[in-house]
Structures are given as C-alpha cells and as structure tokens.
Amino acid sequence: MLRALDIPEELADAGDLRLLTGLFADDEVEPEIARKLRLTVMLTFECYEVDDTPIFTDERVGDYLRLAHDGIPHLLYYLAADPAAGALLGFGAAYGALMELPDSGLLAVDMGGDLLNRLGYHLAAAARHAQQQADEWEPVVDAHLAAFDEPLRMRLRAEIDALVRARDEAPWN
C-alpha cells in the first residue's frame, strides 16, 4: 500500500522538517506504526508541480529532500522503494546526482562513488532504525537495492551489513 505524503509549500519553502520528524523521528515513532509505514511512503510536492516537468528537477524539491535525508538519515526505511514512487530519484535529486537520459526525457541517478557511499550510509541508518523497531532490516535494504545489478547490489549489501554491525559514522558527518 502506497501512502502519499504531500509537503505543503510553506514547509517546503522554509525547509521545515517538522511534519517529517513528527512522523519519522526515532524517538517519536511507535514500533507498531513504524512497521506499518515501512516502505510505503511517497513524498509529493504538489505545490511545485508543472505539467510535463519531472518534479525531481525542481531545485526546491532537491533542497528539501536533502534536508530531509540529512535530518532523518533513516528516512529510506519509510520511503517506498518502487521506482514509480521516486525514492531513488528523490535521493539523487537531494545530492545533485540526477541526469536526463538522451532522447528519452527520462531521469536516472548517476550512482558515482560519493552517492553510493551516501546511499550505503542512509540504508545502514534505515537498517538500524528497523532493528530499533523490532523489525527485520534486510527486506528494507533489499527493496531499495533491487534495481541495481547483482555485483553492485551484493557489494552494497555487504557494506551495509558491516555498517550495521559496526555502527560507523559517515565520513562527511
């Protein structure tokens, strides 16, 4: 079940994360509710929608999503991994890694080294959040990595597993 959470313009423009932190912050979420919301939330920005323009190309959306991911590192625990829900595109927009595919108008994420490291860190945070909610972390991580080719998926999975065990901090924090 997909749940759309629309970010109002006044919150998006102000970079106000209270709506998200109220729903998804570690110390605020009841484990039963967290497990029900796992991998079901799609963030929308109806206030910025323009016909025939992908929402993730709007700089304001990318800025807000960066604040959201930086402020709630485990946000991917809640975001729907289905490509149509845009979690990966939103992550790419947050960190300036979107690219338009030639002759198609479609967007893709340039998964360069820094973005892969960030994704690993955020997925490890989602995995730790799952553990705090008495939930299994592997389905969350695997859902977000499903679109990757097998060698990359296995490499990232191993790195995330090591981060979960070591609880290392990301080098950019």
Protein backbone atom coordinates (compact mmCIF):
# COMPACT_ATOMS: atom_id res chain seq x y z
CA MET A 1 0.00 0.00 0.00
CA LEU A 2 1.42 3.35 -1.06
CA ARG A 3 0.84 6.40 1.12
CA ALA A 4 1.39 9.84 -0.44
CA LEU A 5 2.58 12.49 1.98
CA ASP A 6 2.29 15.89 0.36
CA ILE A 7 4.72 18.52 1.61
CA PRO A 8 2.94 21.89 1.80
CA GLU A 9 4.59 24.82 0.05
CA GLU A 10 5.11 26.83 3.24
CA LEU A 11 7.03 23.94 4.82
CA ALA A 12 8.99 23.14 1.68
CA ASP A 13 9.97 26.80 1.10
CA ALA A 14 11.08 27.20 4.71
CA GLY A 15 12.97 23.89 4.80
CA ASP A 16 10.72 22.97 7.72
CA LEU A 17 11.00 19.27 8.54
CA ARG A 18 8.56 19.21 11.47
CA LEU A 19 5.98 17.22 9.51
CA LEU A 20 8.55 14.55 8.68
CA THR A 21 10.28 14.50 12.04
CA GLY A 22 6.92 14.29 13.78
CA LEU A 23 6.12 11.16 11.79
CA PHE A 24 9.51 9.52 11.37
CA ALA A 25 11.93 10.65 14.11
CA ASP A 26 13.47 7.79 16.11
CA ASP A 27 12.12 8.80 19.48
CA GLU A 28 8.64 9.69 18.25
CA VAL A 29 7.54 6.60 16.34
CA GLU A 30 5.79 3.69 17.97
CA PRO A 31 7.29 0.42 16.67
CA GLU A 32 3.92 -0.94 15.53
CA ILE A 33 3.21 2.19 13.49
CA ALA A 34 6.75 2.27 12.09
CA ARG A 35 6.43 -1.30 10.85
CA LYS A 36 3.11 -0.48 9.18
CA LEU A 37 4.66 2.53 7.42
CA ARG A 38 7.80 0.68 6.35
CA LEU A 39 8.43 1.09 2.59
CA THR A 40 5.01 2.65 1.95
CA VAL A 41 5.52 6.43 1.97
CA MET A 42 5.90 8.57 -1.13
CA LEU A 43 6.75 12.24 -0.61
CA THR A 44 4.94 14.55 -3.02
CA PHE A 45 5.26 18.25 -3.75
CA GLU A 46 2.00 19.22 -5.41
CA CYS A 47 2.82 22.88 -4.77
CA TYR A 48 5.72 22.71 -7.24
CA GLU A 49 4.20 20.51 -9.93
CA VAL A 50 4.36 21.78 -13.50
CA ASP A 51 2.84 19.85 -16.41
CA ASP A 52 5.31 17.66 -18.31
CA THR A 53 8.18 18.53 -15.95
CA PRO A 54 9.59 15.86 -13.63
CA ILE A 55 9.19 17.08 -10.05
CA PHE A 56 12.70 16.00 -9.10
CA THR A 57 14.22 18.51 -11.50
CA ASP A 58 12.86 21.33 -9.33
CA GLU A 59 15.77 22.62 -7.25
CA ARG A 60 13.45 23.39 -4.32
CA VAL A 61 12.42 19.73 -4.16
CA GLY A 62 16.03 18.59 -4.20
CA ASP A 63 16.93 21.07 -1.46
CA TYR A 64 14.06 19.91 0.74
CA LEU A 65 14.85 16.24 0.17
CA ARG A 66 18.50 16.83 1.07
CA LEU A 67 17.42 18.42 4.34
CA ALA A 68 15.05 15.52 4.94
CA HIS A 69 17.66 12.82 4.30
CA ASP A 70 20.34 14.68 6.28
CA GLY A 71 17.93 15.37 9.15
CA ILE A 72 16.38 11.90 9.18
CA PRO A 73 19.15 9.55 7.99
CA HIS A 74 16.85 6.51 8.29
CA LEU A 75 14.12 8.08 6.07
CA LEU A 76 14.59 5.31 3.47
CA TYR A 77 13.07 2.89 5.99
CA TYR A 78 9.73 4.60 5.31
CA LEU A 79 10.06 5.57 1.64
CA ALA A 80 8.56 3.21 -0.91
CA ALA A 81 11.30 1.54 -2.93
CA ASP A 82 9.13 1.11 -6.04
CA PRO A 83 10.78 3.15 -8.82
CA ALA A 84 7.44 4.84 -9.58
CA ALA A 85 7.37 6.19 -6.01
CA GLY A 86 10.63 8.01 -6.64
CA ALA A 87 12.69 7.27 -3.52
CA LEU A 88 15.88 6.69 -5.52
CA LEU A 89 15.20 9.62 -7.88
CA GLY A 90 14.50 11.79 -4.85
CA PHE A 91 17.74 10.65 -3.24
CA GLY A 92 19.60 11.50 -6.44
CA ALA A 93 17.90 14.90 -6.58
CA ALA A 94 18.81 15.55 -2.95
CA TYR A 95 22.50 15.14 -3.68
CA GLY A 96 22.67 16.63 -7.18
CA ALA A 97 23.05 13.31 -8.99
CA LEU A 98 20.17 13.34 -11.47
CA MET A 99 20.78 13.08 -15.18
CA GLU A 100 18.45 13.06 -18.14
CA LEU A 101 18.73 10.05 -20.40
CA PRO A 102 19.42 11.07 -24.01
CA ASP A 103 16.48 11.15 -26.40
CA SER A 104 14.01 9.89 -23.80
CA GLY A 105 13.41 12.71 -21.35
CA LEU A 106 13.60 10.16 -18.56
CA LEU A 107 15.63 10.77 -15.43
CA ALA A 108 18.22 8.47 -13.93
CA VAL A 109 20.54 8.70 -10.96
CA ASP A 110 24.29 8.94 -11.51
CA MET A 111 25.44 6.48 -8.87
CA GLY A 112 29.01 7.73 -8.61
CA GLY A 113 31.21 6.76 -5.69
CA ASP A 114 30.16 9.52 -3.28
CA LEU A 115 26.46 8.92 -3.87
CA LEU A 116 26.91 5.17 -3.40
CA ASN A 117 28.67 5.86 -0.09
CA ARG A 118 25.86 8.15 0.99
CA LEU A 119 23.24 5.62 -0.06
CA GLY A 120 25.06 2.94 1.92
CA TYR A 121 25.15 5.17 4.99
CA HIS A 122 21.44 6.02 4.72
CA LEU A 123 20.46 2.41 4.14
CA ALA A 124 22.55 1.39 7.16
CA ALA A 125 20.67 4.04 9.19
CA ALA A 126 17.39 2.58 7.89
CA ALA A 127 18.60 -0.88 8.89
CA ARG A 128 19.47 0.29 12.41
CA HIS A 129 16.07 2.00 12.63
CA ALA A 130 14.41 -1.27 11.65
CA GLN A 131 16.27 -3.00 14.46
CA GLN A 132 15.09 -0.35 16.93
CA GLN A 133 11.54 -1.02 15.79
CA ALA A 134 11.99 -4.78 16.33
CA ASP A 135 11.80 -5.21 12.58
CA GLU A 136 13.97 -7.10 10.10
CA TRP A 137 16.29 -4.75 8.25
CA GLU A 138 17.17 -6.95 5.29
CA PRO A 139 13.84 -6.51 3.41
CA VAL A 140 14.18 -2.72 3.64
CA VAL A 141 17.72 -2.69 2.28
CA ASP A 142 17.00 -5.32 -0.35
CA ALA A 143 13.93 -3.43 -1.61
CA HIS A 144 15.99 -0.28 -2.21
CA LEU A 145 18.80 -2.23 -3.87
CA ALA A 146 16.56 -4.34 -6.13
CA ALA A 147 17.14 -2.14 -9.19
CA PHE A 148 20.92 -2.48 -9.04
CA ASP A 149 22.83 -5.15 -10.93
CA GLU A 150 23.79 -8.15 -8.83
CA PRO A 151 27.51 -7.41 -8.26
CA LEU A 152 26.78 -3.87 -7.10
CA ARG A 153 23.79 -4.99 -5.04
CA MET A 154 25.88 -7.65 -3.28
CA ARG A 155 28.74 -5.20 -2.66
CA LEU A 156 26.42 -2.59 -1.18
CA ARG A 157 24.59 -5.19 0.89
CA ALA A 158 27.89 -6.37 2.38
CA GLU A 159 28.96 -2.80 3.14
CA ILE A 160 25.62 -2.01 4.76
CA ASP A 161 25.82 -5.19 6.81
CA ALA A 162 29.27 -4.09 8.04
CA LEU A 163 27.97 -0.59 8.85
CA VAL A 164 25.03 -2.01 10.77
CA ARG A 165 27.36 -4.18 12.80
CA ALA A 166 30.00 -1.52 13.37
CA ARG A 167 27.59 1.45 13.66
CA ASP A 168 30.22 3.60 11.96
CA GLU A 169 29.55 7.25 11.28
CA ALA A 170 29.63 8.51 7.70
CA PRO A 171 32.87 10.32 6.82
CA TRP A 172 31.01 13.51 5.89
CA ASN A 173 29.30 13.92 9.30
